[in-house]
Structure formats: C-alpha cells, structure tokens
C-alpha cells in the first residue's frame, strides 16, 4: 500500500533492489501519478518494462494498493486490484538476496513522499493472477513469503525469514494506515 502526499517529479521509489547505476532485477516507483517499473533480466540493461507507465493513475492523499506479480513468463502490474499492464519475461531471476533491497528509497536517494504500508515479497507463488479486491486487513505471510514489513509498531520483518530492517533517512513508524 502506498499513500503519496504529492505528485512526484522524480523517480520516487516504492520498492527497489540494488544501488544507483546497477541494473537491478526490478524497481517500482511513482512519477507524477503513474506507477512505473524497470526490470532487468540480464543485469546489463533495463530490458523489460523500461520506463513503462501504468494506464491507471494512483490517487494523491489516498491509499493505493500496488502489486507486481510474476506468473510463469508474465509479469502483471495491478493498481487497486485492477490489472494494468503485463510484460513477457524469459527468465525467473528477479530477486537476488545478496543485493540491497530498499523500501521507500533507493540506496539513500529518490525518497518516496508519503506513507508505505504492508510490503510483502513472495517468491515462487503468484499471489494475484486476475483482478481482485484489495485486502481490507493487514497482509499475512502466505506460502513463500520472503519479506513482510511496514505493518508493525516497529521496523520488523514479520515473515519467517526475519530479515533485519534498517531505517534510513527520516523513516518512522506511524499508526496511519490503509486499514484504520
């Protein structure tokens, strides 16, 4: 869930992996009021969905549910439960545990202006494969959940992986969320 407080004028990251200048598996961000994604399957270029723009806009000063789902050789983008765009892929290599994963920024820059809640990374299971009603309660650790965070009263990974969450910049925990 994301709650942008202003239309963005730069690549304000929601979720990313890797450092600036690195062709990481994927980056999800908002530019203006559209969701954009970069995906690299070869590590040397943004070869899928490069600078793709969502058809549906996110609302400013409102909670928006965003899901990026890989199902076989297709990646689907969903905004508020509505299928937005799909992209064909020929590899399953997206998440690399040894790379830095960031929520709300990318390697200390490109900060997201707003709130982020209930971030879940699932590897090996396509959680959404068609239009759906966004959840009305906090997310749970479904099968193959590798990260579940931004849903507690502290910085914690609620998945079985129990990754260490390190806040940066002015990140803070807030009771404000999509389920209140």
N, C-alpha and C. Protein backbone atom coordinates (compact mmCIF):
# COMPACT_ATOMS: atom_id res chain seq x y z
N UNK A 1 0.84 -1.18 0.00
CA UNK A 1 0.00 0.00 0.00
C UNK A 1 0.88 1.24 0.00
N UNK A 2 0.52 2.23 -0.80
CA UNK A 2 1.24 3.50 -0.81
C UNK A 2 0.24 4.64 -0.70
N UNK A 3 0.67 5.70 -0.05
CA UNK A 3 -0.12 6.91 0.14
C UNK A 3 0.76 8.10 -0.23
N UNK A 4 0.79 8.46 -1.52
CA UNK A 4 1.62 9.61 -1.91
C UNK A 4 0.99 10.91 -1.44
N UNK A 5 1.79 11.78 -0.86
CA UNK A 5 1.25 13.05 -0.35
C UNK A 5 1.40 14.18 -1.35
N UNK A 6 2.07 13.93 -2.46
CA UNK A 6 2.24 14.93 -3.51
C UNK A 6 2.54 14.22 -4.82
N UNK A 7 2.11 14.77 -5.96
CA UNK A 7 2.55 14.16 -7.22
C UNK A 7 4.07 14.28 -7.30
N UNK A 8 4.73 13.23 -7.70
CA UNK A 8 6.18 13.24 -7.70
C UNK A 8 6.72 13.82 -9.00
N UNK A 9 7.90 14.40 -8.91
CA UNK A 9 8.54 14.97 -10.09
C UNK A 9 9.86 14.26 -10.40
N UNK A 10 10.15 13.24 -9.65
CA UNK A 10 11.37 12.45 -9.86
C UNK A 10 11.02 10.99 -9.67
N UNK A 11 12.01 10.12 -9.81
CA UNK A 11 11.79 8.69 -9.61
C UNK A 11 11.75 8.40 -8.12
N UNK A 12 10.58 8.52 -7.53
CA UNK A 12 10.44 8.32 -6.09
C UNK A 12 10.06 6.86 -5.84
N UNK A 13 11.02 6.11 -5.33
CA UNK A 13 10.93 4.67 -5.26
C UNK A 13 9.96 4.15 -4.20
N UNK A 14 9.22 3.13 -4.59
CA UNK A 14 8.40 2.38 -3.65
C UNK A 14 9.20 1.17 -3.18
N UNK A 15 9.73 0.42 -4.14
CA UNK A 15 10.48 -0.80 -3.82
C UNK A 15 11.57 -0.96 -4.88
N UNK A 16 12.77 -1.25 -4.45
CA UNK A 16 13.87 -1.41 -5.40
C UNK A 16 14.92 -2.35 -4.81
N UNK A 17 15.73 -2.85 -5.70
CA UNK A 17 16.83 -3.71 -5.28
C UNK A 17 18.07 -3.27 -6.03
N UNK A 18 19.15 -3.07 -5.32
CA UNK A 18 20.40 -2.66 -5.94
C UNK A 18 20.70 -1.20 -5.68
N UNK A 19 21.88 -0.77 -6.07
CA UNK A 19 22.36 0.58 -5.84
C UNK A 19 22.24 1.41 -7.12
N UNK A 20 22.34 2.74 -7.02
CA UNK A 20 22.31 3.57 -8.23
C UNK A 20 23.37 3.11 -9.22
N UNK A 21 23.00 3.10 -10.50
CA UNK A 21 23.93 2.68 -11.53
C UNK A 21 24.00 1.18 -11.74
N UNK A 22 23.27 0.41 -10.92
CA UNK A 22 23.26 -1.04 -11.05
C UNK A 22 21.94 -1.45 -11.70
N UNK A 23 21.99 -2.32 -12.68
CA UNK A 23 20.78 -2.82 -13.31
C UNK A 23 20.22 -3.93 -12.44
N UNK A 24 19.42 -3.55 -11.48
CA UNK A 24 18.89 -4.49 -10.52
C UNK A 24 17.68 -5.21 -11.10
N UNK A 25 17.26 -6.31 -10.49
CA UNK A 25 16.14 -7.08 -11.01
C UNK A 25 14.87 -6.24 -11.23
N UNK A 26 14.52 -5.41 -10.27
CA UNK A 26 13.34 -4.57 -10.51
C UNK A 26 13.31 -3.35 -9.62
N UNK A 27 12.66 -2.32 -10.15
CA UNK A 27 12.41 -1.08 -9.43
C UNK A 27 10.95 -0.71 -9.68
N UNK A 28 10.24 -0.36 -8.64
CA UNK A 28 8.85 0.09 -8.76
C UNK A 28 8.80 1.49 -8.15
N UNK A 29 8.32 2.45 -8.92
CA UNK A 29 8.29 3.82 -8.43
C UNK A 29 7.10 4.57 -9.01
N UNK A 30 6.87 5.77 -8.51
CA UNK A 30 5.81 6.63 -9.00
C UNK A 30 6.45 7.89 -9.58
N UNK A 31 5.99 8.28 -10.76
CA UNK A 31 6.41 9.53 -11.37
C UNK A 31 5.12 10.27 -11.70
N UNK A 32 4.94 11.44 -11.11
CA UNK A 32 3.66 12.14 -11.25
C UNK A 32 2.61 11.37 -10.48
N UNK A 33 1.67 10.78 -11.18
CA UNK A 33 0.66 9.92 -10.54
C UNK A 33 0.59 8.56 -11.22
N UNK A 34 1.63 8.21 -11.96
CA UNK A 34 1.65 6.90 -12.62
C UNK A 34 2.72 6.01 -12.02
N UNK A 35 2.41 4.73 -11.96
CA UNK A 35 3.37 3.75 -11.49
C UNK A 35 4.25 3.38 -12.67
N UNK A 36 5.55 3.31 -12.42
CA UNK A 36 6.50 2.92 -13.46
C UNK A 36 7.37 1.81 -12.91
N UNK A 37 7.82 0.96 -13.81
CA UNK A 37 8.71 -0.12 -13.40
C UNK A 37 9.86 -0.25 -14.38
N UNK A 38 11.00 -0.60 -13.84
CA UNK A 38 12.17 -1.00 -14.63
C UNK A 38 12.45 -2.44 -14.23
N UNK A 39 12.69 -3.30 -15.20
CA UNK A 39 13.04 -4.68 -14.91
C UNK A 39 14.25 -5.06 -15.75
N UNK A 40 15.25 -5.64 -15.11
CA UNK A 40 16.42 -6.13 -15.82
C UNK A 40 16.53 -7.63 -15.59
N UNK A 41 16.52 -8.39 -16.66
CA UNK A 41 16.71 -9.83 -16.54
C UNK A 41 18.11 -10.27 -16.93
N UNK A 42 18.92 -9.32 -17.44
CA UNK A 42 20.26 -9.69 -17.88
C UNK A 42 21.38 -8.99 -17.08
N UNK A 43 21.01 -8.07 -16.19
CA UNK A 43 22.00 -7.40 -15.36
C UNK A 43 22.79 -6.31 -16.06
N UNK A 44 22.54 -6.09 -17.35
CA UNK A 44 23.31 -5.08 -18.07
C UNK A 44 22.44 -4.00 -18.72
N UNK A 45 21.12 -4.16 -18.67
CA UNK A 45 20.23 -3.14 -19.24
C UNK A 45 18.84 -3.30 -18.65
N UNK A 46 18.04 -2.24 -18.77
CA UNK A 46 16.63 -2.31 -18.38
C UNK A 46 15.90 -2.88 -19.60
N UNK A 47 15.82 -4.19 -19.71
CA UNK A 47 15.35 -4.79 -20.94
C UNK A 47 13.87 -5.18 -20.94
N UNK A 48 13.18 -5.02 -19.84
CA UNK A 48 11.74 -5.29 -19.81
C UNK A 48 11.07 -4.15 -19.07
N UNK A 49 9.97 -3.67 -19.62
CA UNK A 49 9.16 -2.64 -18.98
C UNK A 49 9.96 -1.39 -18.67
N UNK A 50 10.99 -1.15 -19.44
CA UNK A 50 11.84 0.01 -19.18
C UNK A 50 11.03 1.30 -19.28
N UNK A 51 10.93 1.96 -18.15
CA UNK A 51 10.22 3.23 -18.07
C UNK A 51 8.76 3.09 -18.48
N UNK A 52 8.18 1.92 -18.26
CA UNK A 52 6.78 1.71 -18.60
C UNK A 52 5.90 2.54 -17.68
N UNK A 53 4.80 2.97 -18.20
CA UNK A 53 3.88 3.81 -17.45
C UNK A 53 2.56 3.08 -17.28
N UNK A 54 2.03 3.11 -16.08
CA UNK A 54 0.74 2.47 -15.84
C UNK A 54 -0.37 3.21 -16.57
N UNK A 55 -1.40 2.48 -16.91
CA UNK A 55 -2.57 3.09 -17.54
C UNK A 55 -3.45 3.78 -16.51
N UNK A 56 -3.45 3.24 -15.31
CA UNK A 56 -4.27 3.78 -14.22
C UNK A 56 -3.41 4.63 -13.30
N UNK A 57 -3.93 5.76 -12.90
CA UNK A 57 -3.19 6.66 -12.00
C UNK A 57 -3.42 6.28 -10.55
N UNK A 58 -2.43 6.59 -9.72
CA UNK A 58 -2.64 6.48 -8.29
C UNK A 58 -3.25 7.79 -7.80
N UNK A 59 -3.97 7.71 -6.71
CA UNK A 59 -4.59 8.90 -6.14
C UNK A 59 -3.64 9.52 -5.13
N UNK A 60 -3.56 10.84 -5.14
CA UNK A 60 -2.75 11.56 -4.17
C UNK A 60 -3.58 11.72 -2.90
N UNK A 61 -2.91 11.64 -1.75
CA UNK A 61 -3.56 11.73 -0.44
C UNK A 61 -4.65 10.68 -0.27
N UNK A 62 -4.35 9.47 -0.75
CA UNK A 62 -5.24 8.32 -0.60
C UNK A 62 -4.38 7.05 -0.62
N UNK A 63 -4.87 5.99 0.01
CA UNK A 63 -4.16 4.73 -0.02
C UNK A 63 -4.41 4.03 -1.35
N UNK A 64 -3.35 3.53 -1.96
CA UNK A 64 -3.40 2.82 -3.24
C UNK A 64 -2.71 1.47 -3.07
N UNK A 65 -3.34 0.40 -3.50
CA UNK A 65 -2.74 -0.93 -3.43
C UNK A 65 -2.03 -1.21 -4.75
N UNK A 66 -0.75 -1.53 -4.69
CA UNK A 66 0.04 -1.81 -5.90
C UNK A 66 0.63 -3.21 -5.75
N UNK A 67 0.48 -4.02 -6.79
CA UNK A 67 1.06 -5.36 -6.79
C UNK A 67 1.76 -5.61 -8.13
N UNK A 68 2.95 -6.14 -8.05
CA UNK A 68 3.71 -6.56 -9.22
C UNK A 68 3.88 -8.07 -9.05
N UNK A 69 3.35 -8.85 -10.01
CA UNK A 69 3.28 -10.30 -9.86
C UNK A 69 3.89 -11.00 -11.06
N UNK A 70 4.82 -11.92 -10.80
CA UNK A 70 5.33 -12.76 -11.88
C UNK A 70 4.62 -14.10 -11.81
N UNK A 71 4.00 -14.47 -12.93
CA UNK A 71 3.29 -15.74 -13.05
C UNK A 71 3.82 -16.43 -14.30
N UNK A 72 4.73 -17.38 -14.13
CA UNK A 72 5.36 -18.03 -15.27
C UNK A 72 6.22 -17.04 -16.03
N UNK A 73 5.90 -16.82 -17.29
CA UNK A 73 6.69 -15.91 -18.13
C UNK A 73 6.00 -14.56 -18.31
N UNK A 74 5.10 -14.22 -17.41
CA UNK A 74 4.40 -12.94 -17.49
C UNK A 74 4.49 -12.20 -16.17
N UNK A 75 4.75 -10.90 -16.24
CA UNK A 75 4.70 -10.04 -15.07
C UNK A 75 3.47 -9.16 -15.22
N UNK A 76 2.64 -9.13 -14.19
CA UNK A 76 1.45 -8.29 -14.21
C UNK A 76 1.54 -7.19 -13.18
N UNK A 77 1.10 -5.99 -13.56
CA UNK A 77 1.01 -4.86 -12.64
C UNK A 77 -0.45 -4.63 -12.32
N UNK A 78 -0.78 -4.56 -11.03
CA UNK A 78 -2.14 -4.32 -10.58
C UNK A 78 -2.15 -3.06 -9.73
N UNK A 79 -3.11 -2.18 -9.99
CA UNK A 79 -3.29 -0.99 -9.18
C UNK A 79 -4.71 -1.03 -8.63
N UNK A 80 -4.80 -1.05 -7.31
CA UNK A 80 -6.09 -1.14 -6.60
C UNK A 80 -6.92 -2.33 -7.10
N UNK A 81 -6.23 -3.44 -7.35
CA UNK A 81 -6.89 -4.68 -7.74
C UNK A 81 -7.20 -4.80 -9.22
N UNK A 82 -6.94 -3.76 -9.99
CA UNK A 82 -7.23 -3.76 -11.42
C UNK A 82 -5.96 -4.10 -12.20
N UNK A 83 -6.06 -5.09 -13.10
CA UNK A 83 -4.91 -5.43 -13.95
C UNK A 83 -4.60 -4.24 -14.83
N UNK A 84 -3.35 -3.80 -14.81
CA UNK A 84 -2.96 -2.59 -15.53
C UNK A 84 -2.17 -2.92 -16.78
N UNK A 85 -0.99 -3.48 -16.65
CA UNK A 85 -0.13 -3.85 -17.77
C UNK A 85 0.46 -5.23 -17.52
N UNK A 86 0.85 -5.91 -18.59
CA UNK A 86 1.58 -7.17 -18.46
C UNK A 86 2.83 -7.10 -19.33
N UNK A 87 3.84 -7.86 -18.93
CA UNK A 87 5.12 -7.87 -19.62
C UNK A 87 5.61 -9.30 -19.71
N UNK A 88 6.09 -9.71 -20.88
CA UNK A 88 6.62 -11.06 -21.09
C UNK A 88 8.06 -11.11 -20.61
N UNK A 89 8.42 -12.20 -19.95
CA UNK A 89 9.79 -12.41 -19.50
C UNK A 89 10.24 -13.82 -19.88
N UNK A 90 11.53 -14.00 -19.99
CA UNK A 90 12.05 -15.31 -20.35
C UNK A 90 12.93 -15.89 -19.26
N UNK A 91 12.95 -15.27 -18.11
CA UNK A 91 13.78 -15.75 -17.01
C UNK A 91 13.00 -15.64 -15.71
N UNK A 92 13.41 -16.39 -14.74
CA UNK A 92 12.80 -16.31 -13.42
C UNK A 92 13.70 -15.59 -12.43
N UNK A 93 14.85 -15.11 -12.87
CA UNK A 93 15.82 -14.47 -11.99
C UNK A 93 15.45 -13.01 -11.75
N UNK A 94 14.82 -12.73 -10.65
CA UNK A 94 14.47 -11.36 -10.31
C UNK A 94 15.03 -10.96 -8.96
N UNK A 95 14.72 -11.68 -7.93
CA UNK A 95 15.16 -11.31 -6.60
C UNK A 95 16.49 -11.98 -6.29
N UNK A 96 17.47 -11.20 -5.91
CA UNK A 96 18.78 -11.71 -5.54
C UNK A 96 19.04 -11.33 -4.09
N UNK A 97 18.99 -12.30 -3.18
CA UNK A 97 19.11 -11.99 -1.76
C UNK A 97 20.37 -11.24 -1.36
N UNK A 98 21.43 -11.31 -2.15
CA UNK A 98 22.67 -10.64 -1.77
C UNK A 98 22.68 -9.16 -2.11
N UNK A 99 21.69 -8.68 -2.86
CA UNK A 99 21.63 -7.26 -3.20
C UNK A 99 20.81 -6.50 -2.17
N UNK A 100 21.14 -5.24 -2.02
CA UNK A 100 20.40 -4.37 -1.11
C UNK A 100 18.97 -4.19 -1.60
N UNK A 101 18.01 -4.38 -0.71
CA UNK A 101 16.61 -4.16 -1.02
C UNK A 101 16.16 -2.94 -0.23
N UNK A 102 15.50 -2.00 -0.91
CA UNK A 102 15.07 -0.77 -0.25
C UNK A 102 13.58 -0.55 -0.44
N UNK A 103 12.96 -0.01 0.57
CA UNK A 103 11.54 0.34 0.54
C UNK A 103 11.45 1.84 0.79
N UNK A 104 10.82 2.56 -0.11
CA UNK A 104 10.63 4.00 0.06
C UNK A 104 11.81 4.86 -0.36
N UNK A 105 12.83 4.24 -0.95
CA UNK A 105 14.01 4.97 -1.43
C UNK A 105 14.87 4.00 -2.22
N UNK A 106 15.93 4.52 -2.82
CA UNK A 106 16.91 3.64 -3.46
C UNK A 106 18.28 4.08 -3.00
N UNK A 107 18.90 3.22 -2.21
CA UNK A 107 20.26 3.44 -1.73
C UNK A 107 20.47 4.86 -1.20
N UNK A 108 19.54 5.33 -0.38
CA UNK A 108 19.69 6.63 0.26
C UNK A 108 19.32 7.82 -0.59
N UNK A 109 18.59 7.60 -1.67
CA UNK A 109 18.13 8.71 -2.51
C UNK A 109 16.77 8.35 -3.11
N UNK A 110 16.21 9.24 -3.89
CA UNK A 110 14.92 9.01 -4.54
C UNK A 110 13.85 8.57 -3.53
N UNK A 111 13.71 9.36 -2.46
CA UNK A 111 12.78 9.05 -1.39
C UNK A 111 11.32 9.20 -1.83
N UNK A 112 10.48 8.28 -1.43
CA UNK A 112 9.06 8.33 -1.72
C UNK A 112 8.39 9.34 -0.79
N UNK A 113 7.63 10.30 -1.33
CA UNK A 113 6.98 11.31 -0.48
C UNK A 113 5.60 10.83 -0.01
N UNK A 114 5.57 10.21 1.12
CA UNK A 114 4.29 9.73 1.64
C UNK A 114 4.48 8.56 2.58
N UNK A 115 3.50 7.68 2.58
CA UNK A 115 3.47 6.55 3.51
C UNK A 115 3.45 5.24 2.72
N UNK A 116 4.04 4.21 3.30
CA UNK A 116 4.03 2.88 2.72
C UNK A 116 3.63 1.91 3.82
N UNK A 117 2.74 0.99 3.49
CA UNK A 117 2.24 0.04 4.48
C UNK A 117 2.13 -1.35 3.87
N UNK A 118 2.37 -2.36 4.68
CA UNK A 118 2.15 -3.75 4.30
C UNK A 118 2.86 -4.13 3.01
N UNK A 119 4.18 -4.20 3.08
CA UNK A 119 5.00 -4.63 1.95
C UNK A 119 5.26 -6.12 2.10
N UNK A 120 4.89 -6.86 1.06
CA UNK A 120 5.09 -8.32 1.09
C UNK A 120 5.80 -8.74 -0.19
N UNK A 121 6.89 -9.50 -0.04
CA UNK A 121 7.62 -10.07 -1.16
C UNK A 121 7.45 -11.58 -1.08
N UNK A 122 6.85 -12.15 -2.12
CA UNK A 122 6.60 -13.59 -2.20
C UNK A 122 7.36 -14.11 -3.41
N UNK A 123 8.18 -15.13 -3.22
CA UNK A 123 8.96 -15.70 -4.32
C UNK A 123 8.54 -17.15 -4.51
N UNK A 124 8.00 -17.45 -5.70
CA UNK A 124 7.61 -18.83 -6.01
C UNK A 124 6.11 -19.05 -6.06
N UNK A 125 5.33 -18.05 -5.67
CA UNK A 125 3.87 -18.16 -5.72
C UNK A 125 3.32 -16.86 -6.30
N UNK A 126 2.48 -16.97 -7.32
CA UNK A 126 1.81 -15.79 -7.88
C UNK A 126 0.57 -15.53 -7.03
N UNK A 127 0.63 -14.52 -6.18
CA UNK A 127 -0.48 -14.25 -5.25
C UNK A 127 -1.73 -13.78 -6.00
N UNK A 128 -1.55 -12.92 -7.00
CA UNK A 128 -2.69 -12.42 -7.77
C UNK A 128 -2.49 -12.79 -9.24
N UNK A 129 -3.51 -13.38 -9.86
CA UNK A 129 -3.41 -13.75 -11.27
C UNK A 129 -4.55 -13.16 -12.10
N UNK A 130 -5.45 -12.46 -11.47
CA UNK A 130 -6.53 -11.75 -12.17
C UNK A 130 -7.00 -10.63 -11.25
N UNK A 131 -7.93 -9.81 -11.73
CA UNK A 131 -8.43 -8.69 -10.93
C UNK A 131 -8.89 -9.20 -9.56
N UNK A 132 -8.73 -8.37 -8.54
CA UNK A 132 -9.06 -8.77 -7.17
C UNK A 132 -9.50 -7.56 -6.36
N UNK A 133 -10.11 -7.82 -5.23
CA UNK A 133 -10.45 -6.77 -4.28
C UNK A 133 -9.26 -6.61 -3.34
N UNK A 134 -8.69 -5.41 -3.25
CA UNK A 134 -7.55 -5.23 -2.34
C UNK A 134 -7.90 -5.64 -0.91
N UNK A 135 -6.92 -6.13 -0.18
CA UNK A 135 -7.16 -6.59 1.19
C UNK A 135 -7.72 -5.48 2.09
N UNK A 136 -8.52 -5.88 3.05
CA UNK A 136 -9.12 -4.94 4.00
C UNK A 136 -8.55 -5.11 5.40
N UNK A 137 -7.53 -5.95 5.52
CA UNK A 137 -6.85 -6.14 6.80
C UNK A 137 -5.36 -6.37 6.49
N UNK A 138 -4.51 -6.26 7.50
CA UNK A 138 -3.07 -6.41 7.26
C UNK A 138 -2.74 -7.72 6.55
N UNK A 139 -1.71 -7.66 5.69
CA UNK A 139 -1.29 -8.84 4.95
C UNK A 139 -0.72 -9.88 5.90
N UNK A 140 -0.78 -11.14 5.48
CA UNK A 140 -0.21 -12.24 6.26
C UNK A 140 0.89 -12.90 5.45
N UNK A 141 1.66 -13.72 6.11
CA UNK A 141 2.74 -14.44 5.44
C UNK A 141 2.16 -15.68 4.76
N UNK A 142 1.81 -15.55 3.48
CA UNK A 142 1.31 -16.67 2.70
C UNK A 142 2.49 -17.55 2.30
N UNK A 143 2.22 -18.67 1.66
CA UNK A 143 3.27 -19.58 1.21
C UNK A 143 4.32 -18.84 0.39
N UNK A 144 5.57 -19.06 0.69
CA UNK A 144 6.74 -18.49 0.01
C UNK A 144 6.97 -17.01 0.29
N UNK A 145 6.40 -16.47 1.36
CA UNK A 145 6.67 -15.08 1.73
C UNK A 145 8.11 -14.98 2.23
N UNK A 146 8.87 -14.07 1.62
CA UNK A 146 10.27 -13.86 1.99
C UNK A 146 10.49 -12.56 2.75
N UNK A 147 9.53 -11.64 2.67
CA UNK A 147 9.61 -10.37 3.39
C UNK A 147 8.19 -9.88 3.64
N UNK A 148 7.91 -9.47 4.86
CA UNK A 148 6.61 -8.90 5.22
C UNK A 148 6.88 -7.82 6.26
N UNK A 149 6.75 -6.58 5.85
CA UNK A 149 7.13 -5.48 6.73
C UNK A 149 6.24 -4.26 6.52
N UNK A 150 6.53 -3.20 7.25
CA UNK A 150 5.76 -1.94 7.21
C UNK A 150 4.32 -2.18 7.67
N UNK A 151 4.19 -2.94 8.73
CA UNK A 151 2.86 -3.22 9.24
C UNK A 151 2.81 -3.34 10.77
N UNK A 152 3.92 -3.05 11.42
CA UNK A 152 4.01 -3.19 12.87
C UNK A 152 4.32 -1.86 13.53
N UNK A 153 4.39 -1.87 14.85
CA UNK A 153 4.72 -0.66 15.59
C UNK A 153 6.23 -0.47 15.75
N UNK A 154 6.99 -1.20 14.94
CA UNK A 154 8.45 -1.08 14.90
C UNK A 154 8.94 -1.61 13.56
N UNK A 155 10.21 -1.39 13.25
CA UNK A 155 10.78 -1.89 12.00
C UNK A 155 11.13 -3.36 12.18
N UNK A 156 10.32 -4.23 11.56
CA UNK A 156 10.49 -5.66 11.74
C UNK A 156 10.00 -6.39 10.48
N UNK A 157 10.63 -7.53 10.19
CA UNK A 157 10.18 -8.42 9.12
C UNK A 157 9.31 -9.49 9.77
N UNK A 158 8.03 -9.52 9.43
CA UNK A 158 7.09 -10.48 10.02
C UNK A 158 7.02 -11.79 9.25
N UNK A 159 7.91 -11.99 8.28
CA UNK A 159 7.97 -13.28 7.57
C UNK A 159 8.84 -14.24 8.38
N UNK A 160 8.85 -15.49 7.97
CA UNK A 160 9.71 -16.48 8.63
C UNK A 160 11.18 -16.18 8.41
N UNK A 161 11.51 -15.37 7.40
CA UNK A 161 12.91 -15.02 7.12
C UNK A 161 13.52 -14.13 8.20
N UNK A 162 12.70 -13.32 8.85
CA UNK A 162 13.14 -12.42 9.93
C UNK A 162 14.35 -11.58 9.55
N UNK A 163 14.29 -10.96 8.36
CA UNK A 163 15.37 -10.07 7.93
C UNK A 163 15.48 -8.88 8.87
N UNK A 164 16.67 -8.36 9.02
CA UNK A 164 16.89 -7.15 9.79
C UNK A 164 16.46 -5.96 8.94
N UNK A 165 15.62 -5.11 9.47
CA UNK A 165 15.15 -3.91 8.78
C UNK A 165 15.92 -2.73 9.37
N UNK A 166 16.62 -1.99 8.52
CA UNK A 166 17.41 -0.86 8.97
C UNK A 166 16.81 0.42 8.40
N UNK A 167 16.17 1.25 9.25
CA UNK A 167 15.61 2.50 8.73
C UNK A 167 16.71 3.48 8.35
N UNK A 168 16.44 4.28 7.33
CA UNK A 168 17.39 5.30 6.88
C UNK A 168 16.65 6.60 6.67
N UNK A 169 17.41 7.68 6.59
CA UNK A 169 16.79 8.99 6.39
C UNK A 169 15.87 9.31 7.55
N UNK A 170 14.69 9.83 7.24
CA UNK A 170 13.74 10.17 8.31
C UNK A 170 12.60 9.18 8.39
N UNK A 171 12.84 7.92 8.01
CA UNK A 171 11.81 6.88 8.10
C UNK A 171 11.34 6.75 9.54
N UNK A 172 10.03 6.61 9.71
CA UNK A 172 9.48 6.45 11.05
C UNK A 172 8.24 5.57 10.97
N UNK A 173 7.89 5.01 12.11
CA UNK A 173 6.69 4.18 12.23
C UNK A 173 5.52 5.09 12.58
N UNK A 174 4.38 4.83 11.95
CA UNK A 174 3.19 5.64 12.18
C UNK A 174 1.98 4.70 12.29
N UNK A 175 1.01 5.06 13.10
CA UNK A 175 -0.23 4.28 13.20
C UNK A 175 -1.14 4.50 12.01
N UNK A 176 -0.84 5.48 11.16
CA UNK A 176 -1.64 5.79 9.98
C UNK A 176 -1.50 4.66 8.97
N UNK A 177 -2.60 4.12 8.50
CA UNK A 177 -2.52 3.02 7.54
C UNK A 177 -3.82 2.82 6.79
N UNK A 178 -3.82 1.90 5.83
CA UNK A 178 -4.98 1.69 4.98
C UNK A 178 -6.14 0.98 5.67
N UNK A 179 -5.94 0.44 6.84
CA UNK A 179 -6.98 -0.37 7.49
C UNK A 179 -7.61 0.31 8.69
N UNK A 180 -7.29 1.58 8.92
CA UNK A 180 -7.81 2.30 10.09
C UNK A 180 -9.16 2.91 9.81
